[in-house]
Amino acid sequence: QITQISLINCRDGSNAGGVVVLSANNGSTTYTFKLLHVQPLAG
């Protein structure tokens, strides 16, 4: 599932897109995937 959606705030004020963080757990292992410079399609 998606656990975070945010914008990238650059020091120079430019827009670098968004961030989507996904997490998954199979009972013994937790996986986290962080996608940067993206436009989210899910909530």
Full PDB file with SEQRES, HELIX, SHEET, SSBOND, CRYST1, ORIGX, SCALE, CONECT and MASTER records, all heavy atoms in Angstrom:
SEQRES   1 A   43  GLN ILE THR GLN ILE SER LEU ILE ASN CYS ARG ASP GLY          
SEQRES   2 A   43  SER ASN ALA GLY GLY VAL VAL VAL LEU SER ALA ASN ASN          
SEQRES   3 A   43  GLY SER THR THR TYR THR PHE LYS LEU LEU HIS VAL GLN          
SEQRES   4 A   43  PRO LEU ALA GLY                                              
SHEET    1 AA1 3 ILE A   2  ASN A   9  0                                        
SHEET    2 AA1 3 ASN A  15  ASN A  25 -1                                        
SHEET    3 AA1 3 THR A  30  VAL A  38 -1                                        
CRYST1    1.000    1.000    1.000  90.00  90.00  90.00 P 1           1          
ORIGX1      1.000000  0.000000  0.000000        0.00000                         
ORIGX2      0.000000  1.000000  0.000000        0.00000                         
ORIGX3      0.000000  0.000000  1.000000        0.00000                         
SCALE1      1.000000  0.000000  0.000000        0.00000                         
SCALE2      0.000000  1.000000  0.000000        0.00000                         
SCALE3      0.000000  0.000000  1.000000        0.00000                         
ATOM      1  N   GLN A   1       0.831  -1.200   0.000  1.00  0.00           N  
ATOM      2  CA  GLN A   1       0.000   0.000   0.000  1.00  0.00           C  
ATOM      3  C   GLN A   1       0.864   1.248   0.000  1.00  0.00           C  
ATOM      4  O   GLN A   1       2.024   1.218   0.397  1.00  0.00           O  
ATOM      5  CB  GLN A   1      -0.944   0.032   1.194  1.00  0.00           C  
ATOM      6  CG  GLN A   1      -0.281   0.206   2.528  1.00  0.00           C  
ATOM      7  CD  GLN A   1      -1.329   0.316   3.639  1.00  0.00           C  
ATOM      8  OE1 GLN A   1      -2.520   0.248   3.408  1.00  0.00           O  
ATOM      9  NE2 GLN A   1      -0.855   0.492   4.845  1.00  0.00           N  
ATOM     10  N   ILE A   2       0.285   2.336  -0.470  1.00  0.00           N  
ATOM     11  CA  ILE A   2       0.971   3.622  -0.452  1.00  0.00           C  
ATOM     12  C   ILE A   2       0.892   4.180   0.957  1.00  0.00           C  
ATOM     13  O   ILE A   2      -0.186   4.264   1.540  1.00  0.00           O  
ATOM     14  CB  ILE A   2       0.348   4.590  -1.468  1.00  0.00           C  
ATOM     15  CG1 ILE A   2       0.565   4.047  -2.882  1.00  0.00           C  
ATOM     16  CG2 ILE A   2       0.939   5.984  -1.313  1.00  0.00           C  
ATOM     17  CD1 ILE A   2      -0.099   4.855  -3.966  1.00  0.00           C  
ATOM     18  N   THR A   3       2.049   4.538   1.512  1.00  0.00           N  
ATOM     19  CA  THR A   3       2.096   5.070   2.875  1.00  0.00           C  
ATOM     20  C   THR A   3       2.418   6.554   2.935  1.00  0.00           C  
ATOM     21  O   THR A   3       2.250   7.177   3.972  1.00  0.00           O  
ATOM     22  CB  THR A   3       3.131   4.306   3.724  1.00  0.00           C  
ATOM     23  OG1 THR A   3       4.409   4.400   3.091  1.00  0.00           O  
ATOM     24  CG2 THR A   3       2.731   2.849   3.885  1.00  0.00           C  
ATOM     25  N   GLN A   4       2.887   7.120   1.812  1.00  0.00           N  
ATOM     26  CA  GLN A   4       3.224   8.544   1.808  1.00  0.00           C  
ATOM     27  C   GLN A   4       3.164   9.089   0.392  1.00  0.00           C  
ATOM     28  O   GLN A   4       3.580   8.430  -0.553  1.00  0.00           O  
ATOM     29  CB  GLN A   4       4.632   8.763   2.355  1.00  0.00           C  
ATOM     30  CG  GLN A   4       5.091  10.208   2.329  1.00  0.00           C  
ATOM     31  CD  GLN A   4       6.554  10.364   2.736  1.00  0.00           C  
ATOM     32  OE1 GLN A   4       7.121   9.502   3.376  1.00  0.00           O  
ATOM     33  NE2 GLN A   4       7.148  11.472   2.352  1.00  0.00           N  
ATOM     34  N   ILE A   5       2.636  10.301   0.271  1.00  0.00           N  
ATOM     35  CA  ILE A   5       2.679  11.069  -0.964  1.00  0.00           C  
ATOM     36  C   ILE A   5       3.065  12.482  -0.564  1.00  0.00           C  
ATOM     37  O   ILE A   5       2.474  13.055   0.347  1.00  0.00           O  
ATOM     38  CB  ILE A   5       1.320  11.079  -1.693  1.00  0.00           C  
ATOM     39  CG1 ILE A   5       0.958   9.674  -2.157  1.00  0.00           C  
ATOM     40  CG2 ILE A   5       1.342  12.048  -2.865  1.00  0.00           C  
ATOM     41  CD1 ILE A   5      -0.420   9.574  -2.798  1.00  0.00           C  
ATOM     42  N   SER A   6       4.087  13.032  -1.211  1.00  0.00           N  
ATOM     43  CA  SER A   6       4.513  14.390  -0.890  1.00  0.00           C  
ATOM     44  C   SER A   6       5.170  15.016  -2.105  1.00  0.00           C  
ATOM     45  O   SER A   6       5.368  14.368  -3.129  1.00  0.00           O  
ATOM     46  CB  SER A   6       5.468  14.381   0.306  1.00  0.00           C  
ATOM     47  OG  SER A   6       6.614  13.600   0.030  1.00  0.00           O  
ATOM     48  N   LEU A   7       5.509  16.295  -1.988  1.00  0.00           N  
ATOM     49  CA  LEU A   7       6.218  17.015  -3.038  1.00  0.00           C  
ATOM     50  C   LEU A   7       7.679  17.158  -2.654  1.00  0.00           C  
ATOM     51  O   LEU A   7       8.023  17.218  -1.473  1.00  0.00           O  
ATOM     52  CB  LEU A   7       5.615  18.406  -3.241  1.00  0.00           C  
ATOM     53  CG  LEU A   7       4.201  18.447  -3.796  1.00  0.00           C  
ATOM     54  CD1 LEU A   7       3.703  19.891  -3.842  1.00  0.00           C  
ATOM     55  CD2 LEU A   7       4.142  17.827  -5.182  1.00  0.00           C  
ATOM     56  N   ILE A   8       8.549  17.239  -3.656  1.00  0.00           N  
ATOM     57  CA  ILE A   8       9.969  17.476  -3.410  1.00  0.00           C  
ATOM     58  C   ILE A   8      10.168  18.982  -3.355  1.00  0.00           C  
ATOM     59  O   ILE A   8       9.856  19.693  -4.308  1.00  0.00           O  
ATOM     60  CB  ILE A   8      10.837  16.857  -4.530  1.00  0.00           C  
ATOM     61  CG1 ILE A   8      10.633  15.348  -4.588  1.00  0.00           C  
ATOM     62  CG2 ILE A   8      12.303  17.219  -4.318  1.00  0.00           C  
ATOM     63  CD1 ILE A   8      11.277  14.680  -5.781  1.00  0.00           C  
ATOM     64  N   ASN A   9      10.659  19.470  -2.240  1.00  0.00           N  
ATOM     65  CA  ASN A   9      10.936  20.886  -2.068  1.00  0.00           C  
ATOM     66  C   ASN A   9      12.421  21.140  -2.267  1.00  0.00           C  
ATOM     67  O   ASN A   9      13.239  20.817  -1.414  1.00  0.00           O  
ATOM     68  CB  ASN A   9      10.510  21.344  -0.663  1.00  0.00           C  
ATOM     69  CG  ASN A   9       9.018  21.211  -0.465  1.00  0.00           C  
ATOM     70  OD1 ASN A   9       8.245  21.630  -1.303  1.00  0.00           O  
ATOM     71  ND2 ASN A   9       8.619  20.608   0.638  1.00  0.00           N  
ATOM     72  N   CYS A  10      12.770  21.722  -3.413  1.00  0.00           N  
ATOM     73  CA  CYS A  10      14.170  21.995  -3.729  1.00  0.00           C  
ATOM     74  C   CYS A  10      14.630  23.292  -3.070  1.00  0.00           C  
ATOM     75  O   CYS A  10      13.839  24.206  -2.869  1.00  0.00           O  
ATOM     76  CB  CYS A  10      14.349  22.117  -5.237  1.00  0.00           C  
ATOM     77  SG  CYS A  10      13.936  20.610  -6.111  1.00  0.00           S  
ATOM     78  N   ARG A  11      15.911  23.345  -2.776  1.00  0.00           N  
ATOM     79  CA  ARG A  11      16.474  24.539  -2.133  1.00  0.00           C  
ATOM     80  C   ARG A  11      16.345  25.790  -2.980  1.00  0.00           C  
ATOM     81  O   ARG A  11      16.257  26.886  -2.447  1.00  0.00           O  
ATOM     82  CB  ARG A  11      17.947  24.311  -1.800  1.00  0.00           C  
ATOM     83  CG  ARG A  11      18.142  23.386  -0.636  1.00  0.00           C  
ATOM     84  CD  ARG A  11      19.575  23.376  -0.239  1.00  0.00           C  
ATOM     85  NE  ARG A  11      20.157  22.108  -0.641  1.00  0.00           N  
ATOM     86  CZ  ARG A  11      21.351  21.701  -0.308  1.00  0.00           C  
ATOM     87  NH1 ARG A  11      22.133  22.452   0.421  1.00  0.00           N  
ATOM     88  NH2 ARG A  11      21.786  20.528  -0.694  1.00  0.00           N  
ATOM     89  N   ASP A  12      16.366  25.633  -4.307  1.00  0.00           N  
ATOM     90  CA  ASP A  12      16.277  26.811  -5.172  1.00  0.00           C  
ATOM     91  C   ASP A  12      14.831  27.177  -5.502  1.00  0.00           C  
ATOM     92  O   ASP A  12      14.580  28.066  -6.291  1.00  0.00           O  
ATOM     93  CB  ASP A  12      17.085  26.600  -6.450  1.00  0.00           C  
ATOM     94  CG  ASP A  12      16.482  25.525  -7.358  1.00  0.00           C  
ATOM     95  OD1 ASP A  12      15.518  24.856  -6.960  1.00  0.00           O  
ATOM     96  OD2 ASP A  12      17.010  25.365  -8.474  1.00  0.00           O  
ATOM     97  N   GLY A  13      13.867  26.475  -4.907  1.00  0.00           N  
ATOM     98  CA  GLY A  13      12.464  26.767  -5.120  1.00  0.00           C  
ATOM     99  C   GLY A  13      11.870  26.108  -6.354  1.00  0.00           C  
ATOM    100  O   GLY A  13      10.688  26.282  -6.625  1.00  0.00           O  
ATOM    101  N   SER A  14      12.664  25.354  -7.104  1.00  0.00           N  
ATOM    102  CA  SER A  14      12.151  24.698  -8.302  1.00  0.00           C  
ATOM    103  C   SER A  14      11.320  23.470  -7.933  1.00  0.00           C  
ATOM    104  O   SER A  14      11.450  22.914  -6.857  1.00  0.00           O  
ATOM    105  CB  SER A  14      13.299  24.300  -9.236  1.00  0.00           C  
ATOM    106  OG  SER A  14      14.160  23.379  -8.617  1.00  0.00           O  
ATOM    107  N   ASN A  15      10.466  23.066  -8.861  1.00  0.00           N  
ATOM    108  CA  ASN A  15       9.594  21.916  -8.672  1.00  0.00           C  
ATOM    109  C   ASN A  15      10.288  20.683  -9.232  1.00  0.00           C  
ATOM    110  O   ASN A  15      10.669  20.664 -10.401  1.00  0.00           O  
ATOM    111  CB  ASN A  15       8.267  22.158  -9.399  1.00  0.00           C  
ATOM    112  CG  ASN A  15       7.329  20.983  -9.338  1.00  0.00           C  
ATOM    113  OD1 ASN A  15       7.561  20.003  -8.640  1.00  0.00           O  
ATOM    114  ND2 ASN A  15       6.245  21.067 -10.084  1.00  0.00           N  
ATOM    115  N   ALA A  16      10.460  19.645  -8.421  1.00  0.00           N  
ATOM    116  CA  ALA A  16      11.091  18.402  -8.873  1.00  0.00           C  
ATOM    117  C   ALA A  16      10.125  17.232  -8.818  1.00  0.00           C  
ATOM    118  O   ALA A  16      10.527  16.081  -8.751  1.00  0.00           O  
ATOM    119  CB  ALA A  16      12.329  18.116  -8.043  1.00  0.00           C  
ATOM    120  N   GLY A  17       8.827  17.529  -8.823  1.00  0.00           N  
ATOM    121  CA  GLY A  17       7.837  16.461  -8.840  1.00  0.00           C  
ATOM    122  C   GLY A  17       7.471  15.965  -7.459  1.00  0.00           C  
ATOM    123  O   GLY A  17       7.712  16.614  -6.452  1.00  0.00           O  
ATOM    124  N   GLY A  18       6.914  14.779  -7.428  1.00  0.00           N  
ATOM    125  CA  GLY A  18       6.422  14.224  -6.183  1.00  0.00           C  
ATOM    126  C   GLY A  18       7.168  12.985  -5.745  1.00  0.00           C  
ATOM    127  O   GLY A  18       8.042  12.470  -6.434  1.00  0.00           O  
ATOM    128  N   VAL A  19       6.781  12.536  -4.542  1.00  0.00           N  
ATOM    129  CA  VAL A  19       7.339  11.331  -3.936  1.00  0.00           C  
ATOM    130  C   VAL A  19       6.171  10.406  -3.604  1.00  0.00           C  
ATOM    131  O   VAL A  19       5.157  10.852  -3.064  1.00  0.00           O  
ATOM    132  CB  VAL A  19       8.101  11.666  -2.627  1.00  0.00           C  
ATOM    133  CG1 VAL A  19       8.610  10.403  -1.956  1.00  0.00           C  
ATOM    134  CG2 VAL A  19       9.228  12.641  -2.888  1.00  0.00           C  
ATOM    135  N   VAL A  20       6.325   9.135  -3.930  1.00  0.00           N  
ATOM    136  CA  VAL A  20       5.358   8.115  -3.540  1.00  0.00           C  
ATOM    137  C   VAL A  20       6.133   7.022  -2.815  1.00  0.00           C  
ATOM    138  O   VAL A  20       7.126   6.519  -3.335  1.00  0.00           O  
ATOM    139  CB  VAL A  20       4.610   7.524  -4.755  1.00  0.00           C  
ATOM    140  CG1 VAL A  20       3.732   6.355  -4.335  1.00  0.00           C  
ATOM    141  CG2 VAL A  20       3.777   8.588  -5.449  1.00  0.00           C  
ATOM    142  N   VAL A  21       5.693   6.678  -1.597  1.00  0.00           N  
ATOM    143  CA  VAL A  21       6.331   5.619  -0.822  1.00  0.00           C  
ATOM    144  C   VAL A  21       5.343   4.474  -0.680  1.00  0.00           C  
ATOM    145  O   VAL A  21       4.197   4.677  -0.274  1.00  0.00           O  
ATOM    146  CB  VAL A  21       6.781   6.115   0.570  1.00  0.00           C  
ATOM    147  CG1 VAL A  21       7.411   4.987   1.373  1.00  0.00           C  
ATOM    148  CG2 VAL A  21       7.747   7.296   0.437  1.00  0.00           C  
ATOM    149  N   LEU A  22       5.810   3.277  -1.037  1.00  0.00           N  
ATOM    150  CA  LEU A  22       5.005   2.065  -0.914  1.00  0.00           C  
ATOM    151  C   LEU A  22       5.651   1.153   0.110  1.00  0.00           C  
ATOM    152  O   LEU A  22       6.874   1.066   0.170  1.00  0.00           O  
ATOM    153  CB  LEU A  22       4.949   1.317  -2.250  1.00  0.00           C  
ATOM    154  CG  LEU A  22       4.394   2.103  -3.419  1.00  0.00           C  
ATOM    155  CD1 LEU A  22       5.488   2.360  -4.401  1.00  0.00           C  
ATOM    156  CD2 LEU A  22       3.262   1.355  -4.030  1.00  0.00           C  
ATOM    157  N   SER A  23       4.838   0.463   0.897  1.00  0.00           N  
ATOM    158  CA  SER A  23       5.345  -0.508   1.864  1.00  0.00           C  
ATOM    159  C   SER A  23       4.601  -1.824   1.707  1.00  0.00           C  
ATOM    160  O   SER A  23       3.409  -1.840   1.398  1.00  0.00           O  
ATOM    161  CB  SER A  23       5.154   0.001   3.293  1.00  0.00           C  
ATOM    162  OG  SER A  23       5.964   1.121   3.520  1.00  0.00           O  
ATOM    163  N   ALA A  24       5.345  -2.901   1.923  1.00  0.00           N  
ATOM    164  CA  ALA A  24       4.758  -4.240   1.862  1.00  0.00           C  
ATOM    165  C   ALA A  24       5.409  -5.088   2.943  1.00  0.00           C  
ATOM    166  O   ALA A  24       6.571  -4.894   3.284  1.00  0.00           O  
ATOM    167  CB  ALA A  24       4.989  -4.869   0.492  1.00  0.00           C  
ATOM    168  N   ASN A  25       4.644  -6.014   3.488  1.00  0.00           N  
ATOM    169  CA  ASN A  25       5.153  -6.900   4.525  1.00  0.00           C  
ATOM    170  C   ASN A  25       4.603  -8.294   4.261  1.00  0.00           C  
ATOM    171  O   ASN A  25       3.401  -8.470   4.097  1.00  0.00           O  
ATOM    172  CB  ASN A  25       4.714  -6.401   5.909  1.00  0.00           C  
ATOM    173  CG  ASN A  25       5.327  -7.199   7.021  1.00  0.00           C  
ATOM    174  OD1 ASN A  25       5.270  -8.427   7.036  1.00  0.00           O  
ATOM    175  ND2 ASN A  25       5.898  -6.504   7.973  1.00  0.00           N  
ATOM    176  N   ASN A  26       5.510  -9.297   4.245  1.00  0.00           N  
ATOM    177  CA  ASN A  26       5.054 -10.666   4.010  1.00  0.00           C  
ATOM    178  C   ASN A  26       5.027 -11.485   5.302  1.00  0.00           C  
ATOM    179  O   ASN A  26       4.993 -12.702   5.266  1.00  0.00           O  
ATOM    180  CB  ASN A  26       5.921 -11.355   2.949  1.00  0.00           C  
ATOM    181  CG  ASN A  26       7.336 -11.605   3.429  1.00  0.00           C  
ATOM    182  OD1 ASN A  26       7.700 -11.318   4.559  1.00  0.00           O  
ATOM    183  ND2 ASN A  26       8.165 -12.140   2.540  1.00  0.00           N  
ATOM    184  N   GLY A  27       5.077 -10.811   6.448  1.00  0.00           N  
ATOM    185  CA  GLY A  27       5.052 -11.495   7.736  1.00  0.00           C  
ATOM    186  C   GLY A  27       6.407 -11.524   8.407  1.00  0.00           C  
ATOM    187  O   GLY A  27       6.510 -11.414   9.619  1.00  0.00           O  
ATOM    188  N   SER A  28       7.470 -11.681   7.634  1.00  0.00           N  
ATOM    189  CA  SER A  28       8.813 -11.709   8.220  1.00  0.00           C  
ATOM    190  C   SER A  28       9.717 -10.610   7.663  1.00  0.00           C  
ATOM    191  O   SER A  28      10.731 -10.294   8.260  1.00  0.00           O  
ATOM    192  CB  SER A  28       9.475 -13.067   7.967  1.00  0.00           C  
ATOM    193  OG  SER A  28       9.612 -13.296   6.572  1.00  0.00           O  
ATOM    194  N   THR A  29       9.335 -10.028   6.544  1.00  0.00           N  
ATOM    195  CA  THR A  29      10.167  -9.014   5.898  1.00  0.00           C  
ATOM    196  C   THR A  29       9.314  -7.825   5.500  1.00  0.00           C  
ATOM    197  O   THR A  29       8.222  -7.991   4.957  1.00  0.00           O  
ATOM    198  CB  THR A  29      10.851  -9.591   4.639  1.00  0.00           C  
ATOM    199  OG1 THR A  29      11.559 -10.778   5.000  1.00  0.00           O  
ATOM    200  CG2 THR A  29      11.816  -8.599   4.031  1.00  0.00           C  
ATOM    201  N   THR A  30       9.828  -6.626   5.774  1.00  0.00           N  
ATOM    202  CA  THR A  30       9.165  -5.401   5.351  1.00  0.00           C  
ATOM    203  C   THR A  30       9.978  -4.784   4.219  1.00  0.00           C  
ATOM    204  O   THR A  30      11.200  -4.653   4.317  1.00  0.00           O  
ATOM    205  CB  THR A  30       9.053  -4.396   6.514  1.00  0.00           C  
ATOM    206  OG1 THR A  30       8.278  -4.991   7.556  1.00  0.00           O  
ATOM    207  CG2 THR A  30       8.400  -3.105   6.072  1.00  0.00           C  
ATOM    208  N   TYR A  31       9.288  -4.419   3.145  1.00  0.00           N  
ATOM    209  CA  TYR A  31       9.903  -3.786   1.988  1.00  0.00           C  
ATOM    210  C   TYR A  31       9.355  -2.371   1.859  1.00  0.00           C  
ATOM    211  O   TYR A  31       8.163  -2.148   2.038  1.00  0.00           O  
ATOM    212  CB  TYR A  31       9.587  -4.555   0.709  1.00  0.00           C  
ATOM    213  CG  TYR A  31      10.060  -5.982   0.736  1.00  0.00           C  
ATOM    214  CD1 TYR A  31       9.200  -7.020   1.075  1.00  0.00           C  
ATOM    215  CD2 TYR A  31      11.380  -6.296   0.431  1.00  0.00           C  
ATOM    216  CE1 TYR A  31       9.632  -8.334   1.105  1.00  0.00           C  
ATOM    217  CE2 TYR A  31      11.827  -7.613   0.469  1.00  0.00           C  
ATOM    218  CZ  TYR A  31      10.941  -8.620   0.807  1.00  0.00           C  
ATOM    219  OH  TYR A  31      11.383  -9.917   0.839  1.00  0.00           O  
ATOM    220  N   THR A  32      10.228  -1.425   1.525  1.00  0.00           N  
ATOM    221  CA  THR A  32       9.820  -0.051   1.288  1.00  0.00           C  
ATOM    222  C   THR A  32      10.388   0.390  -0.055  1.00  0.00           C  
ATOM    223  O   THR A  32      11.565   0.187  -0.333  1.00  0.00           O  
ATOM    224  CB  THR A  32      10.329   0.885   2.397  1.00  0.00           C  
ATOM    225  OG1 THR A  32       9.896   0.387   3.661  1.00  0.00           O  
ATOM    226  CG2 THR A  32       9.799   2.292   2.217  1.00  0.00           C  
ATOM    227  N   PHE A  33       9.539   0.978  -0.880  1.00  0.00           N  
ATOM    228  CA  PHE A  33       9.919   1.484  -2.191  1.00  0.00           C  
ATOM    229  C   PHE A  33       9.588   2.971  -2.230  1.00  0.00           C  
ATOM    230  O   PHE A  33       8.444   3.353  -1.982  1.00  0.00           O  
ATOM    231  CB  PHE A  33       9.153   0.766  -3.301  1.00  0.00           C  
ATOM    232  CG  PHE A  33       9.359  -0.718  -3.295  1.00  0.00           C  
ATOM    233  CD1 PHE A  33       8.532  -1.545  -2.549  1.00  0.00           C  
ATOM    234  CD2 PHE A  33      10.384  -1.287  -4.033  1.00  0.00           C  
ATOM    235  CE1 PHE A  33       8.722  -2.919  -2.550  1.00  0.00           C  
ATOM    236  CE2 PHE A  33      10.585  -2.663  -4.035  1.00  0.00           C  
ATOM    237  CZ  PHE A  33       9.753  -3.478  -3.280  1.00  0.00           C  
ATOM    238  N   LYS A  34      10.578   3.790  -2.517  1.00  0.00           N  
ATOM    239  CA  LYS A  34      10.389   5.239  -2.568  1.00  0.00           C  
ATOM    240  C   LYS A  34      10.655   5.703  -3.992  1.00  0.00           C  
ATOM    241  O   LYS A  34      11.763   5.566  -4.505  1.00  0.00           O  
ATOM    242  CB  LYS A  34      11.351   5.917  -1.596  1.00  0.00           C  
ATOM    243  CG  LYS A  34      11.163   7.405  -1.459  1.00  0.00           C  
ATOM    244  CD  LYS A  34      12.095   7.935  -0.373  1.00  0.00           C  
ATOM    245  CE  LYS A  34      11.894   9.384  -0.089  1.00  0.00           C  
ATOM    246  NZ  LYS A  34      12.831   9.851   0.963  1.00  0.00           N  
ATOM    247  N   LEU A  35       9.611   6.220  -4.648  1.00  0.00           N  
ATOM    248  CA  LEU A  35       9.689   6.710  -6.015  1.00  0.00           C  
ATOM    249  C   LEU A  35       9.745   8.230  -5.975  1.00  0.00           C  
ATOM    250  O   LEU A  35       8.864   8.860  -5.388  1.00  0.00           O  
ATOM    251  CB  LEU A  35       8.456   6.278  -6.808  1.00  0.00           C  
ATOM    252  CG  LEU A  35       8.049   4.807  -6.722  1.00  0.00           C  
ATOM    253  CD1 LEU A  35       6.670   4.618  -7.330  1.00  0.00           C  
ATOM    254  CD2 LEU A  35       9.066   3.938  -7.404  1.00  0.00           C  
ATOM    255  N   LEU A  36      10.753   8.816  -6.590  1.00  0.00           N  
ATOM    256  CA  LEU A  36      10.904  10.263  -6.611  1.00  0.00           C  
ATOM    257  C   LEU A  36      10.836  10.789  -8.034  1.00  0.00           C  
ATOM    258  O   LEU A  36      11.215  10.092  -8.967  1.00  0.00           O  
ATOM    259  CB  LEU A  36      12.233  10.681  -5.984  1.00  0.00           C  
ATOM    260  CG  LEU A  36      12.359  10.400  -4.495  1.00  0.00           C  
ATOM    261  CD1 LEU A  36      13.062   9.078  -4.272  1.00  0.00           C  
ATOM    262  CD2 LEU A  36      13.105  11.500  -3.799  1.00  0.00           C  
ATOM    263  N   HIS A  37      10.398  12.035  -8.182  1.00  0.00           N  
ATOM    264  CA  HIS A  37      10.220  12.710  -9.474  1.00  0.00           C  
ATOM    265  C   HIS A  37       9.040  12.106 -10.224  1.00  0.00           C  
ATOM    266  O   HIS A  37       9.118  11.826 -11.413  1.00  0.00           O  
ATOM    267  CB  HIS A  37      11.497  12.669 -10.327  1.00  0.00           C  
ATOM    268  CG  HIS A  37      12.725  13.114  -9.601  1.00  0.00           C  
ATOM    269  ND1 HIS A  37      12.848  14.384  -9.074  1.00  0.00           N  
ATOM    270  CD2 HIS A  37      13.867  12.469  -9.288  1.00  0.00           C  
ATOM    271  CE1 HIS A  37      14.022  14.494  -8.481  1.00  0.00           C  
ATOM    272  NE2 HIS A  37      14.654  13.335  -8.584  1.00  0.00           N  
ATOM    273  N   VAL A  38       7.947  11.888  -9.496  1.00  0.00           N  
ATOM    274  CA  VAL A  38       6.771  11.238 -10.069  1.00  0.00           C  
ATOM    275  C   VAL A  38       5.498  12.034  -9.799  1.00  0.00           C  
ATOM    276  O   VAL A  38       5.458  12.906  -8.940  1.00  0.00           O  
ATOM    277  CB  VAL A  38       6.586   9.807  -9.525  1.00  0.00           C  
ATOM    278  CG1 VAL A  38       7.764   8.928  -9.888  1.00  0.00           C  
ATOM    279  CG2 VAL A  38       6.356   9.805  -8.024  1.00  0.00           C  
ATOM    280  N   GLN A  39       4.447  11.679 -10.536  1.00  0.00           N  
ATOM    281  CA  GLN A  39       3.097  12.174 -10.315  1.00  0.00           C  
ATOM    282  C   GLN A  39       2.269  10.990  -9.823  1.00  0.00           C  
ATOM    283  O   GLN A  39       2.137   9.989 -10.539  1.00  0.00           O  
ATOM    284  CB  GLN A  39       2.512  12.714 -11.615  1.00  0.00           C  
ATOM    285  CG  GLN A  39       1.070  13.147 -11.502  1.00  0.00           C  
ATOM    286  CD  GLN A  39       0.507  13.568 -12.852  1.00  0.00           C  
ATOM    287  OE1 GLN A  39       1.214  13.685 -13.839  1.00  0.00           O  
ATOM    288  NE2 GLN A  39      -0.785  13.771 -12.885  1.00  0.00           N  
ATOM    289  N   PRO A  40       1.740  11.035  -8.593  1.00  0.00           N  
ATOM    290  CA  PRO A  40       0.977   9.900  -8.044  1.00  0.00           C  
ATOM    291  C   PRO A  40      -0.281   9.598  -8.857  1.00  0.00           C  
ATOM    292  O   PRO A  40      -0.931  10.500  -9.370  1.00  0.00           O  
ATOM    293  CB  PRO A  40       0.592  10.375  -6.639  1.00  0.00           C  
ATOM    294  CG  PRO A  40       1.468  11.539  -6.356  1.00  0.00           C  
ATOM    295  CD  PRO A  40       1.837  12.146  -7.664  1.00  0.00           C  
ATOM    296  N   LEU A  41      -0.617   8.322  -8.962  1.00  0.00           N  
ATOM    297  CA  LEU A  41      -1.846   7.883  -9.625  1.00  0.00           C  
ATOM    298  C   LEU A  41      -2.804   7.203  -8.650  1.00  0.00           C  
ATOM    299  O   LEU A  41      -3.918   6.857  -9.028  1.00  0.00           O  
ATOM    300  CB  LEU A  41      -1.520   6.903 -10.761  1.00  0.00           C  
ATOM    301  CG  LEU A  41      -0.732   7.463 -11.933  1.00  0.00           C  
ATOM    302  CD1 LEU A  41      -0.422   6.355 -12.937  1.00  0.00           C  
ATOM    303  CD2 LEU A  41      -1.477   8.608 -12.608  1.00  0.00           C  
ATOM    304  N   ALA A  42      -2.358   6.953  -7.423  1.00  0.00           N  
ATOM    305  CA  ALA A  42      -3.188   6.294  -6.410  1.00  0.00           C  
ATOM    306  C   ALA A  42      -3.040   7.075  -5.107  1.00  0.00           C  
ATOM    307  O   ALA A  42      -2.135   7.898  -4.964  1.00  0.00           O  
ATOM    308  CB  ALA A  42      -2.752   4.846  -6.237  1.00  0.00           C  
ATOM    309  N   GLY A  43      -3.905   6.798  -4.143  1.00  0.00           N  
ATOM    310  CA  GLY A  43      -3.905   7.531  -2.895  1.00  0.00           C  
ATOM    311  C   GLY A  43      -3.312   6.765  -1.725  1.00  0.00           C  
ATOM    312  O   GLY A  43      -3.143   5.542  -1.774  1.00  0.00           O  
TER     313      GLY A  43                                                      
MASTER        0    0    0    0    3    0    0    6  312    1    0    4          
END                                                                             
